[in-house]
């Protein structure tokens, strides 16, 4: 049977919507060249024969008709559409390598294209951890580039993953936020992003069995497409994803594809709530579309046929899907097909066929389960080994960092210690020099002599007599010496003594005058009798130890101990 021509072009158009290239992203359906070993021919061939497309790709690369970079982009795209897990893994590996390519690192649009492939492949596996990783990376890239439409398209992917991971409320809230940001006419790209966000939410709602909301979202998609058709001139054609300026037929294919999917979603949702008439109405619209005839569309609609009890149609659809899958049957999708065909055959009383399908389903499920367990075991072992290596590396890095920090700390402490020592000895030297100078100044001081004014010679002689007695008879040594003691001894009044002190000591009070004599005597003893302890000197001149220290420092600027220490150095 010859492949349907419309089918070929539809697949090619869909593939080119998410293309990646050496310079500019692929925007619309390419024209075929004169040779089968060209990129355009490869993309069209993939729609019906992926293996043939890979052969053409290798030949085109060998003939030099295509660059190694472009070949890897196409190979990753072909592998990403496969149902075989190994090829999906290969697509991811190729894309990761492409992210390091100069053509990708230096071009934000190319990075988006590769990330789109990684997101699509992770979603198909499904690998939710990688799915959310790449979607988040793309959202951040788009936000940096100021591409808000693409950012919210990716945020919708993140919301879908969150619902798959059990964060239903947060995921649906993020999906609603994305839809809200995109729910406004203005450009073709925003319309497409809005439709994608709605489809992501439909996938989440389907998993949660919230079918009424799916119907509402499907209708919103149809309404937006109708609005675009009626007001096409109001939609800017500035999108790098979708543009019909050079190939208007691409617009019709896009509308057919988007309407068909919306009708498919609504058909299944109505079937699930037992609204069979509405479900069949949407199913008929789906079947009438060009997209509805494709392999991808038949896989999408078969569960709806089962839900509506259209077992003959479902069996025919599953037979067509199985034929197109050929040898690509070692996967969960084919297991679902066998199980569904068994149910349909049993309902039609085709018990032999039902038994055969069910047996094959059981055998395949066991193989898939064993393969899954082995794969998980290898995955866990690989992850554990990688984790051990990572811990070892982190431990070595931490140890090196600790050693580095300790070395820096030791060096800093050594520098601080040296600086402190220099500062300490410098300050000590400065203080020592000051103390030496102070000692020399103190030693040069002479005891205060009696004022030689001769206002009253008799008074002068009297004061000399009193001063000599206090000093020579060591009256000052009496710690309890009072003014009245002097008055009684020399038979003078307190008033007379005060006048003498005022005239001949510069206005000192009696205690101040006696303390000066005591300090002068203490200074002499400190200088002349270095072996005598300071407390003994204090007692000898009429001071307590503490009082001598306080009075001495106040008069001379240093303590008795400091004076003695710096006296001979």
Protein backbone atom coordinates (compact mmCIF):
# COMPACT_ATOMS: atom_id res chain seq x y z
CA UNK A 1 0.00 0.00 0.00
CA UNK A 2 1.36 3.45 -0.97
CA UNK A 3 1.63 5.96 1.88
CA UNK A 4 -1.01 8.67 1.90
CA UNK A 5 0.55 11.83 0.41
CA UNK A 6 -1.27 14.08 2.86
CA UNK A 7 -0.01 11.95 5.71
CA UNK A 8 3.59 12.43 4.59
CA UNK A 9 3.27 16.19 4.44
CA UNK A 10 1.45 16.42 7.75
CA UNK A 11 4.20 14.52 9.55
CA UNK A 12 6.86 16.55 7.85
CA UNK A 13 5.14 19.77 8.90
CA UNK A 14 4.85 18.63 12.50
CA UNK A 15 8.49 17.57 12.58
CA UNK A 16 9.69 20.90 11.23
CA UNK A 17 7.75 22.84 13.89
CA UNK A 18 10.40 21.87 16.44
CA UNK A 19 13.41 21.75 14.13
CA UNK A 20 17.03 22.55 14.90
CA UNK A 21 19.64 23.76 12.45
CA UNK A 22 23.09 25.13 11.94
CA UNK A 23 22.00 28.74 11.81
CA UNK A 24 18.29 29.62 11.92
CA UNK A 25 15.65 27.26 13.31
CA UNK A 26 13.46 25.44 10.77
CA UNK A 27 10.23 27.41 10.38
CA UNK A 28 8.07 25.79 7.76
CA UNK A 29 7.73 22.75 5.54
CA UNK A 30 10.92 22.39 3.46
CA UNK A 31 10.92 21.78 -0.28
CA UNK A 32 12.31 18.45 -1.44
CA UNK A 33 15.57 18.38 -3.35
CA UNK A 34 16.53 16.47 -6.44
CA UNK A 35 18.29 13.72 -4.48
CA UNK A 36 16.99 11.39 -1.78
CA UNK A 37 20.13 12.06 0.22
CA UNK A 38 19.02 15.49 1.40
CA UNK A 39 17.78 16.70 4.76
CA UNK A 40 14.26 17.50 3.51
CA UNK A 41 13.77 14.05 2.00
CA UNK A 42 14.99 12.43 5.21
CA UNK A 43 12.42 14.32 7.30
CA UNK A 44 9.56 13.41 5.00
CA UNK A 45 10.67 9.76 4.78
CA UNK A 46 10.74 9.54 8.58
CA UNK A 47 6.96 10.10 8.69
CA UNK A 48 6.35 6.63 7.23
CA UNK A 49 9.65 4.75 7.49
CA UNK A 50 12.02 5.77 10.31
CA UNK A 51 14.56 3.04 9.47
CA UNK A 52 14.73 4.19 5.85
CA UNK A 53 15.16 7.77 7.11
CA UNK A 54 18.16 6.72 9.20
CA UNK A 55 19.72 4.99 6.16
CA UNK A 56 19.21 8.13 4.05
CA UNK A 57 20.71 10.20 6.86
CA UNK A 58 23.89 8.08 6.96
CA UNK A 59 24.19 8.30 3.18
CA UNK A 60 23.68 12.07 3.15
CA UNK A 61 26.38 12.45 5.79
CA UNK A 62 28.76 10.20 3.84
CA UNK A 63 28.19 12.19 0.62
CA UNK A 64 28.79 15.48 2.43
CA UNK A 65 25.28 16.76 1.73
CA UNK A 66 24.73 17.47 5.39
CA UNK A 67 26.96 18.60 8.26
CA UNK A 68 27.79 16.36 11.20
CA UNK A 69 26.01 18.78 13.53
CA UNK A 70 22.83 18.83 11.42
CA UNK A 71 22.92 15.04 11.07
CA UNK A 72 23.06 14.65 14.83
CA UNK A 73 20.10 17.01 15.22
CA UNK A 74 18.01 14.94 12.79
CA UNK A 75 19.15 11.64 14.31
CA UNK A 76 18.17 12.83 17.78
CA UNK A 77 14.77 13.90 16.47
CA UNK A 78 14.16 10.51 14.83
CA UNK A 79 15.28 8.61 17.94
CA UNK A 80 13.13 10.82 20.19
CA UNK A 81 9.98 9.67 18.35
CA UNK A 82 10.79 5.98 18.77
CA UNK A 83 8.94 3.76 21.22
CA UNK A 84 12.16 1.85 21.92
CA UNK A 85 13.71 3.02 25.18
CA UNK A 86 17.28 2.49 23.96
CA UNK A 87 16.69 4.89 21.07
CA UNK A 88 15.07 7.42 23.36
CA UNK A 89 18.15 7.19 25.58
CA UNK A 90 20.34 7.69 22.51
CA UNK A 91 18.34 10.80 21.60
CA UNK A 92 18.99 12.22 25.07
CA UNK A 93 22.72 11.46 24.88
CA UNK A 94 22.99 13.10 21.46
CA UNK A 95 21.12 16.18 22.68
CA UNK A 96 23.37 16.51 25.74
CA UNK A 97 26.40 16.44 23.42
CA UNK A 98 24.78 19.00 21.13
CA UNK A 99 24.31 21.39 24.05
CA UNK A 100 28.11 21.63 24.21
CA UNK A 101 28.42 22.39 20.48
CA UNK A 102 29.56 25.91 19.53
CA UNK A 103 26.52 26.32 17.26
CA UNK A 104 24.30 25.78 20.33
CA UNK A 105 26.27 27.53 23.07
CA UNK A 106 26.40 30.77 21.06
CA UNK A 107 22.79 30.74 19.90
CA UNK A 108 19.90 30.91 22.39
CA UNK A 109 17.40 29.77 19.71
CA UNK A 110 19.48 26.64 19.03
CA UNK A 111 19.63 25.92 22.77
CA UNK A 112 15.84 26.12 22.91
CA UNK A 113 15.52 23.66 20.02
CA UNK A 114 17.77 21.09 21.70
CA UNK A 115 16.02 21.58 25.04
CA UNK A 116 12.68 21.05 23.27
CA UNK A 117 13.92 17.67 22.04
CA UNK A 118 15.12 16.73 25.53
CA UNK A 119 11.78 17.76 27.04
CA UNK A 120 9.78 15.79 24.43
CA UNK A 121 11.93 12.68 24.84
CA UNK A 122 11.84 12.80 28.64
CA UNK A 123 8.06 13.19 28.49
CA UNK A 124 7.74 10.20 26.13
CA UNK A 125 9.90 7.86 28.26
CA UNK A 126 8.52 9.06 30.76
CA UNK A 127 11.39 10.32 32.95
CA UNK A 128 9.85 13.00 35.14
CA UNK A 129 13.11 13.89 36.86
CA UNK A 130 14.75 14.74 33.52
CA UNK A 131 11.52 16.21 32.16
CA UNK A 132 11.32 18.84 34.92
CA UNK A 133 15.10 19.43 34.75
CA UNK A 134 15.11 20.34 31.07
CA UNK A 135 11.83 22.26 31.24
CA UNK A 136 13.20 24.35 34.12
CA UNK A 137 16.44 24.99 32.23
CA UNK A 138 14.49 26.13 29.18
CA UNK A 139 12.19 28.38 31.24
CA UNK A 140 15.25 30.07 32.80
CA UNK A 141 16.90 30.50 29.38
CA UNK A 142 13.74 32.05 27.90
CA UNK A 143 13.35 34.38 30.88
CA UNK A 144 16.95 35.56 30.44
CA UNK A 145 16.27 36.22 26.77
CA UNK A 146 13.04 38.09 27.55
CA UNK A 147 10.97 35.49 25.66
CA UNK A 148 7.94 35.41 27.91
CA UNK A 149 5.81 33.30 25.56
CA UNK A 150 8.39 30.52 25.42
CA UNK A 151 8.97 30.81 29.15
CA UNK A 152 5.30 30.16 29.96
CA UNK A 153 5.18 27.33 27.43
CA UNK A 154 7.94 25.67 29.48
CA UNK A 155 6.30 26.57 32.79
CA UNK A 156 3.28 24.57 31.57
CA UNK A 157 5.57 21.54 31.10
CA UNK A 158 6.83 22.00 34.67
CA UNK A 159 3.24 22.16 35.96
CA UNK A 160 2.38 18.90 34.19
CA UNK A 161 5.39 17.12 35.72
CA UNK A 162 4.46 18.38 39.19
CA UNK A 163 1.02 16.77 38.90
CA UNK A 164 2.65 13.50 37.79
CA UNK A 165 4.88 13.66 40.86
CA UNK A 166 1.92 13.99 43.22
CA UNK A 167 2.03 17.78 43.68
CA UNK A 168 -1.44 18.13 42.16
CA UNK A 169 -2.51 21.50 43.59
CA UNK A 170 0.84 23.18 42.89
CA UNK A 171 1.06 21.69 39.42
CA UNK A 172 -2.46 22.70 38.40
CA UNK A 173 -1.87 26.18 39.82
CA UNK A 174 1.26 26.57 37.67
CA UNK A 175 -0.63 25.31 34.62
CA UNK A 176 -3.42 27.82 35.26
CA UNK A 177 -0.84 30.59 35.65
CA UNK A 178 0.76 29.68 32.32
CA UNK A 179 -2.62 29.53 30.55
CA UNK A 180 -3.59 32.89 32.08
CA UNK A 181 -0.40 34.57 30.82
CA UNK A 182 -0.88 33.16 27.34
CA UNK A 183 -4.66 33.62 27.06
CA UNK A 184 -4.69 36.68 24.82
CA UNK A 185 -4.54 37.08 21.03
CA UNK A 186 -1.58 38.94 19.62
CA UNK A 187 0.74 36.56 17.84
CA UNK A 188 0.64 33.14 16.25
CA UNK A 189 3.31 31.91 18.63
CA UNK A 190 1.34 32.95 21.71
CA UNK A 191 -1.70 31.16 20.32
CA UNK A 192 0.34 28.00 19.85
CA UNK A 193 1.83 28.30 23.36
CA UNK A 194 -1.67 28.79 24.79
CA UNK A 195 -2.85 25.62 23.03
CA UNK A 196 0.18 23.68 24.27
CA UNK A 197 -0.43 24.84 27.86
CA UNK A 198 -4.09 23.76 27.58
CA UNK A 199 -3.01 20.32 26.26
CA UNK A 200 -0.57 19.94 29.18
CA UNK A 201 -3.37 20.64 31.63
CA UNK A 202 -5.66 18.22 29.77
CA UNK A 203 -3.03 15.50 30.24
CA UNK A 204 -2.89 16.28 33.96
CA UNK A 205 -6.70 16.35 34.31
CA UNK A 206 -7.02 13.07 32.43
CA UNK A 207 -4.75 11.42 34.97
CA UNK A 208 -6.93 12.89 37.74
CA UNK A 209 -10.18 11.77 35.97
CA UNK A 210 -11.53 15.34 35.90
CA UNK A 211 -13.22 14.96 32.55
CA UNK A 212 -15.64 17.92 32.73
CA UNK A 213 -12.70 20.30 32.92
CA UNK A 214 -11.07 18.59 29.93
CA UNK A 215 -14.15 19.31 27.84
CA UNK A 216 -14.00 22.98 28.85
CA UNK A 217 -10.33 23.27 27.93
CA UNK A 218 -10.87 21.49 24.62
CA UNK A 219 -13.58 24.01 23.75
CA UNK A 220 -11.23 26.90 24.65
CA UNK A 221 -8.71 25.53 22.14
CA UNK A 222 -11.37 25.36 19.44
CA UNK A 223 -12.57 28.88 20.27
CA UNK A 224 -9.05 30.29 19.99
CA UNK A 225 -8.53 28.58 16.61
CA UNK A 226 -11.87 29.96 15.37
CA UNK A 227 -10.90 33.45 16.56
CA UNK A 228 -7.62 33.22 14.71
CA UNK A 229 -9.33 32.20 11.46
CA UNK A 230 -11.79 35.10 11.76
CA UNK A 231 -9.16 37.70 12.78
CA UNK A 232 -5.95 36.39 11.22
CA UNK A 233 -4.72 39.89 10.40
CA UNK A 234 -4.65 40.70 14.15
CA UNK A 235 -2.10 37.95 14.82
CA UNK A 236 1.51 38.99 14.32
CA UNK A 237 3.66 36.64 12.24
CA UNK A 238 6.84 37.31 14.22
CA UNK A 239 7.24 33.83 15.61
CA UNK A 240 10.28 31.68 14.98
CA UNK A 241 8.13 28.61 15.64
CA UNK A 242 5.16 29.21 13.34
CA UNK A 243 4.98 31.33 10.20
CA UNK A 244 2.81 30.93 7.14
CA UNK A 245 4.25 33.81 5.11
CA UNK A 246 6.15 31.60 2.66
CA UNK A 247 3.96 28.48 2.77
CA UNK A 248 0.30 29.26 3.54
CA UNK A 249 -0.59 25.55 3.32
CA UNK A 250 1.27 25.03 6.57
CA UNK A 251 -1.40 27.16 8.27
CA UNK A 252 -4.15 24.78 7.16
CA UNK A 253 -2.17 21.76 8.34
CA UNK A 254 -1.58 23.39 11.74
CA UNK A 255 -5.26 24.22 12.19
CA UNK A 256 -6.26 20.70 11.13
CA UNK A 257 -3.80 19.16 13.58
CA UNK A 258 -4.79 21.39 16.54
CA UNK A 259 -8.54 21.02 15.94
CA UNK A 260 -8.24 17.28 15.59
CA UNK A 261 -6.39 16.94 18.89
CA UNK A 262 -8.94 19.13 20.70
CA UNK A 263 -11.79 17.01 19.30
CA UNK A 264 -9.92 13.84 20.30
CA UNK A 265 -9.56 15.08 23.89
CA UNK A 266 -13.23 16.04 24.05
CA UNK A 267 -14.33 12.73 22.51
CA UNK A 268 -12.49 10.72 25.15
CA UNK A 269 -13.66 12.94 28.04
CA UNK A 270 -17.31 12.73 26.95
CA UNK A 271 -16.98 8.95 26.57
CA UNK A 272 -15.67 8.69 30.14
CA UNK A 273 -18.70 10.55 31.56
CA UNK A 274 -21.04 8.46 29.37
CA UNK A 275 -22.00 11.35 27.07
CA UNK A 276 -21.80 8.99 24.10
CA UNK A 277 -23.63 11.18 21.57
CA UNK A 278 -21.28 14.12 22.15
CA UNK A 279 -18.31 11.78 22.21
CA UNK A 280 -19.21 10.31 18.81
CA UNK A 281 -19.78 13.80 17.41
CA UNK A 282 -16.23 14.86 18.35
CA UNK A 283 -14.88 11.49 17.24
CA UNK A 284 -16.41 11.96 13.79
CA UNK A 285 -14.72 15.38 13.48
CA UNK A 286 -11.47 13.77 14.57
CA UNK A 287 -11.74 11.01 11.96
CA UNK A 288 -12.56 13.53 9.21
CA UNK A 289 -9.35 15.49 9.78
CA UNK A 290 -6.16 14.80 7.89
CA UNK A 291 -4.33 14.35 11.19
CA UNK A 292 -6.89 11.75 12.25
CA UNK A 293 -5.54 9.37 9.63
CA UNK A 294 -1.97 9.40 10.94
CA UNK A 295 -0.28 6.73 13.04
CA UNK A 296 -0.01 9.10 16.00
CA UNK A 297 -3.71 9.98 15.75
CA UNK A 298 -4.85 6.34 15.62
CA UNK A 299 -2.85 5.59 18.76
CA UNK A 300 -4.47 8.56 20.43
CA UNK A 301 -8.09 7.70 19.57
CA UNK A 302 -8.14 3.91 20.09
CA UNK A 303 -8.92 4.11 23.87
CA UNK A 304 -11.91 6.36 23.04
CA UNK A 305 -13.25 3.77 20.62
CA UNK A 306 -12.93 1.14 23.35
CA UNK A 307 -14.73 3.38 25.86
CA UNK A 308 -17.60 3.90 23.39
CA UNK A 309 -17.94 0.14 22.77
CA UNK A 310 -16.82 0.53 19.16
CA UNK A 311 -14.93 -2.75 19.31
CA UNK A 312 -14.81 -3.46 15.58
CA UNK A 313 -13.38 0.00 14.96
CA UNK A 314 -10.99 -0.40 17.91
CA UNK A 315 -9.76 -3.78 16.65
CA UNK A 316 -9.19 -2.32 13.19
CA UNK A 317 -7.34 0.65 14.69
CA UNK A 318 -5.15 -1.58 16.86
CA UNK A 319 -4.42 -3.83 13.87
CA UNK A 320 -3.31 -0.78 11.88
CA UNK A 321 -1.17 0.47 14.78
CA UNK A 322 0.45 -2.95 15.21
CA UNK A 323 1.15 -3.11 11.46
CA UNK A 324 2.83 0.29 11.51
CA UNK A 325 4.84 -0.54 14.64
CA UNK A 326 6.29 -3.57 12.81
CA UNK A 327 9.07 -4.98 14.99
CA UNK A 328 8.97 -2.05 17.42
CA UNK A 329 6.88 -4.02 19.94
CA UNK A 330 9.02 -4.44 23.03
CA UNK A 331 7.40 -1.56 24.90
CA UNK A 332 4.48 -0.64 27.15
CA UNK A 333 2.48 0.84 24.27
CA UNK A 334 2.33 -2.50 22.50
CA UNK A 335 1.40 -4.22 25.76
CA UNK A 336 -1.57 -1.83 26.09
CA UNK A 337 -2.56 -2.64 22.50
CA UNK A 338 -2.52 -6.41 23.19
CA UNK A 339 -4.56 -5.96 26.37
CA UNK A 340 -7.12 -3.75 24.60
CA UNK A 341 -7.39 -6.17 21.66
CA UNK A 342 -7.98 -9.02 24.11
CA UNK A 343 -10.83 -7.09 25.77
CA UNK A 344 -12.36 -6.14 22.41
CA UNK A 345 -12.12 -9.70 21.06
CA UNK A 346 -13.67 -11.13 24.22
CA UNK A 347 -16.55 -8.65 23.99
CA UNK A 348 -17.14 -9.75 20.39
CA UNK A 349 -17.12 -13.41 21.56
CA UNK A 350 -13.91 -14.08 19.65
CA UNK A 351 -12.57 -16.15 22.52
CA UNK A 352 -9.67 -17.77 20.68
CA UNK A 353 -8.35 -14.40 19.57
CA UNK A 354 -8.94 -12.96 23.04
CA UNK A 355 -6.99 -15.83 24.62
CA UNK A 356 -4.13 -15.36 22.14
CA UNK A 357 -3.93 -11.60 22.80
CA UNK A 358 -4.17 -12.06 26.55
CA UNK A 359 -1.40 -14.71 26.53
CA UNK A 360 0.83 -12.50 24.43
CA UNK A 361 0.05 -9.58 26.74
CA UNK A 362 1.01 -11.64 29.81
CA UNK A 363 4.25 -12.82 28.20
CA UNK A 364 5.20 -9.30 27.08
CA UNK A 365 4.34 -7.84 30.49
CA UNK A 366 6.67 -10.35 32.15
CA UNK A 367 9.47 -9.53 29.71
CA UNK A 368 8.93 -5.81 30.25
CA UNK A 369 8.80 -6.30 34.01
CA UNK A 370 12.03 -8.33 34.03
CA UNK A 371 13.65 -5.82 31.71
CA UNK A 372 12.43 -2.99 33.90
CA UNK A 373 13.77 -4.62 37.03
CA UNK A 374 17.14 -5.28 35.42
CA UNK A 375 17.20 -1.78 34.04
CA UNK A 376 16.31 -0.36 37.45
CA UNK A 377 18.94 -2.50 39.11
CA UNK A 378 21.58 -1.26 36.67
CA UNK A 379 20.30 2.25 37.09
CA UNK A 380 20.41 2.04 40.88
CA UNK A 381 23.88 0.49 40.78
CA UNK A 382 25.09 3.18 38.40
CA UNK A 383 23.54 5.91 40.49
CA UNK A 384 24.97 4.45 43.69
CA UNK A 385 28.42 4.20 42.11
CA UNK A 386 28.14 7.74 40.78
CA UNK A 387 26.95 8.88 44.20
CA UNK A 388 29.90 7.18 45.90
CA UNK A 389 32.29 8.82 43.46
CA UNK A 390 30.61 12.15 43.99
CA UNK A 391 30.87 11.79 47.77
CA UNK A 392 34.53 10.83 47.46
CA UNK A 393 35.23 13.83 45.25
CA UNK A 394 33.29 16.12 47.58
CA UNK A 395 35.16 14.72 50.58
CA UNK A 396 38.52 15.32 48.90
CA UNK A 397 37.46 18.79 47.86
CA UNK A 398 36.23 19.52 51.39
CA UNK A 399 39.51 18.20 52.87
CA UNK A 400 41.53 20.31 50.45
CA UNK A 401 39.38 23.31 51.27
CA UNK A 402 39.79 22.70 55.01
CA UNK A 403 43.57 22.41 54.59
CA UNK A 404 43.59 25.57 52.54
CA UNK A 405 41.51 27.42 55.14
CA UNK A 406 43.72 26.13 57.97
CA UNK A 407 46.84 27.23 56.08
CA UNK A 408 45.38 30.66 55.52
CA UNK A 409 44.28 30.88 59.17
CA UNK A 410 47.73 29.83 60.43
CA UNK A 411 49.42 32.32 58.13
CA UNK A 412 47.02 35.05 59.21
CA UNK A 413 47.60 34.25 62.88
CA UNK A 414 51.36 34.29 62.33
CA UNK A 415 51.15 37.67 60.61
CA UNK A 416 48.93 38.99 63.41
CA UNK A 417 51.29 37.62 66.05
CA UNK A 418 54.28 39.25 64.36
CA UNK A 419 52.39 42.52 63.96
CA UNK A 420 51.28 42.40 67.59
CA UNK A 421 54.83 41.63 68.77
CA UNK A 422 56.23 44.52 66.74
CA UNK A 423 53.50 46.81 68.06
CA UNK A 424 53.99 45.59 71.63
CA UNK A 425 57.77 46.06 71.64
CA UNK A 426 57.44 49.39 69.88
CA UNK A 427 54.91 50.63 72.42
CA UNK A 428 57.04 49.26 75.23
CA UNK A 429 60.02 51.14 73.85
CA UNK A 430 58.02 54.35 73.54
CA UNK A 431 56.74 54.01 77.11
CA UNK A 432 60.24 53.22 78.34
CA UNK A 433 61.67 56.30 76.63
CA UNK A 434 58.89 58.44 78.07
CA UNK A 435 59.48 57.01 81.53
CA UNK A 436 63.23 57.65 81.30
CA UNK A 437 62.59 61.23 80.29
CA UNK A 438 60.11 61.60 83.12
CA UNK A 439 62.60 60.20 85.65
CA UNK A 440 65.22 62.66 84.44
CA UNK A 441 62.76 65.47 84.82
CA UNK A 442 61.76 64.31 88.31
CA UNK A 443 65.39 64.02 89.38
CA UNK A 444 66.07 67.53 88.14
CA UNK A 445 63.27 68.94 90.27
CA UNK A 446 64.37 70.69 93.49
CA UNK A 447 62.30 70.76 96.66
CA UNK A 448 60.18 73.88 96.76
CA UNK A 449 61.96 76.57 98.73
CA UNK A 450 60.30 79.06 101.02
CA UNK A 451 59.17 82.22 99.33
CA UNK A 452 61.86 84.83 100.03
CA UNK A 453 59.47 87.75 100.08
CA UNK A 454 60.26 90.03 103.01
CA UNK A 455 56.83 91.38 103.60
CA UNK A 456 57.34 90.56 107.23
CA UNK A 457 60.79 89.27 108.25
CA UNK A 458 59.47 87.91 111.50
CA UNK A 459 56.87 85.83 109.67
CA UNK A 460 59.53 84.58 107.26
CA UNK A 461 61.72 83.42 110.06
CA UNK A 462 58.79 81.76 111.80
CA UNK A 463 57.80 79.79 108.66
CA UNK A 464 61.42 78.68 108.12
CA UNK A 465 61.54 77.50 111.68
CA UNK A 466 58.29 75.50 111.28
CA UNK A 467 59.35 74.02 107.89
CA UNK A 468 62.77 73.00 109.25
CA UNK A 469 61.18 71.32 112.25
CA UNK A 470 58.72 69.33 110.15
CA UNK A 471 61.50 68.12 107.85
CA UNK A 472 64.40 67.58 110.27
CA UNK A 473 62.39 66.13 113.10
CA UNK A 474 60.42 64.04 110.62
CA UNK A 475 57.08 65.25 111.93
CA UNK A 476 55.65 64.36 108.50
CA UNK A 477 56.23 60.68 109.27
CA UNK A 478 53.28 60.83 111.66
CA UNK A 479 50.41 59.65 109.47
CA UNK A 480 48.02 61.41 111.85
CA UNK A 481 49.80 64.81 111.82
CA UNK A 482 47.22 67.62 112.13
CA UNK A 483 47.30 71.40 111.71
CA UNK A 484 46.54 71.86 115.40
CA UNK A 485 49.64 69.84 116.34
CA UNK A 486 51.84 72.49 114.68
CA UNK A 487 49.85 75.36 116.16
CA UNK A 488 50.23 73.92 119.67
CA UNK A 489 53.94 73.26 119.24
CA UNK A 490 54.79 76.73 118.01
CA UNK A 491 52.13 78.50 120.12
CA UNK A 492 50.40 80.10 117.13
CA UNK A 493 46.81 80.30 116.03
CA UNK A 494 45.31 78.37 113.11
CA UNK A 495 44.75 81.69 111.39
CA UNK A 496 48.44 82.58 111.66
CA UNK A 497 49.48 79.18 110.26
CA UNK A 498 47.08 79.54 107.33
CA UNK A 499 48.50 83.01 106.55
CA UNK A 500 52.06 81.64 106.63
CA UNK A 501 51.14 78.79 104.23
CA UNK A 502 49.38 81.27 101.95
CA UNK A 503 52.37 83.59 101.84
CA UNK A 504 55.23 81.08 101.60
CA UNK A 505 53.85 77.96 99.80
CA UNK A 506 51.85 79.53 97.01
CA UNK A 507 48.49 79.02 98.71
CA UNK A 508 48.77 75.31 99.63
CA UNK A 509 46.58 73.92 102.38
CA UNK A 510 48.26 72.30 105.38
CA UNK A 511 47.58 68.69 104.17
CA UNK A 512 48.87 69.56 100.66
CA UNK A 513 51.98 71.15 102.13
CA UNK A 514 52.73 68.11 104.34
CA UNK A 515 52.10 65.69 101.43
CA UNK A 516 54.62 67.55 99.25
CA UNK A 517 57.25 67.12 101.97
CA UNK A 518 56.35 63.43 102.25
CA UNK A 519 56.59 62.92 98.46
CA UNK A 520 59.93 64.70 98.25
CA UNK A 521 61.27 62.47 101.02
CA UNK A 522 59.80 59.35 99.36
CA UNK A 523 61.47 60.36 96.09
CA UNK A 524 64.81 60.70 97.89
CA UNK A 525 64.47 57.31 99.56
CA UNK A 526 63.50 55.62 96.27
CA UNK A 527 66.59 57.09 94.62
CA UNK A 528 69.10 56.72 97.49
CA UNK A 529 67.96 53.42 99.01
CA UNK A 530 67.10 51.09 96.08
CA UNK A 531 66.93 48.03 98.29
CA UNK A 532 64.25 49.41 100.57
CA UNK A 533 60.80 48.10 99.72
CA UNK A 534 58.17 50.61 98.68
CA UNK A 535 55.73 49.74 101.47
CA UNK A 536 58.46 50.50 104.02
CA UNK A 537 59.17 53.83 102.34
CA UNK A 538 55.45 54.66 102.42
CA UNK A 539 55.28 53.92 106.14
CA UNK A 540 58.46 55.89 106.77
CA UNK A 541 57.14 59.08 105.16
CA UNK A 542 53.64 58.89 106.66
CA UNK A 543 51.69 57.31 103.77
CA UNK A 544 49.90 54.03 103.33
CA UNK A 545 51.17 52.01 100.34
CA UNK A 546 48.07 52.76 98.29
CA UNK A 547 48.10 56.44 99.23
CA UNK A 548 51.77 56.80 98.31
CA UNK A 549 51.16 55.18 94.92
CA UNK A 550 48.19 57.47 94.18
CA UNK A 551 49.86 60.70 95.37
CA UNK A 552 53.20 59.88 93.69
CA UNK A 553 51.58 59.14 90.31
CA UNK A 554 49.46 62.27 90.53
CA UNK A 555 52.52 64.49 91.16
CA UNK A 556 55.20 62.79 89.03
CA UNK A 557 53.20 60.98 86.34
CA UNK A 558 54.34 57.46 87.26
CA UNK A 559 54.10 55.07 90.18
CA UNK A 560 56.95 54.60 92.66
CA UNK A 561 57.65 51.16 91.15
CA UNK A 562 57.82 52.59 87.60
CA UNK A 563 60.16 55.36 88.81
CA UNK A 564 62.50 52.92 90.46
CA UNK A 565 62.37 50.56 87.42
CA UNK A 566 63.37 53.31 84.99
CA UNK A 567 65.72 55.17 87.33
CA UNK A 568 68.93 53.35 86.41
CA UNK A 569 68.10 52.07 82.88
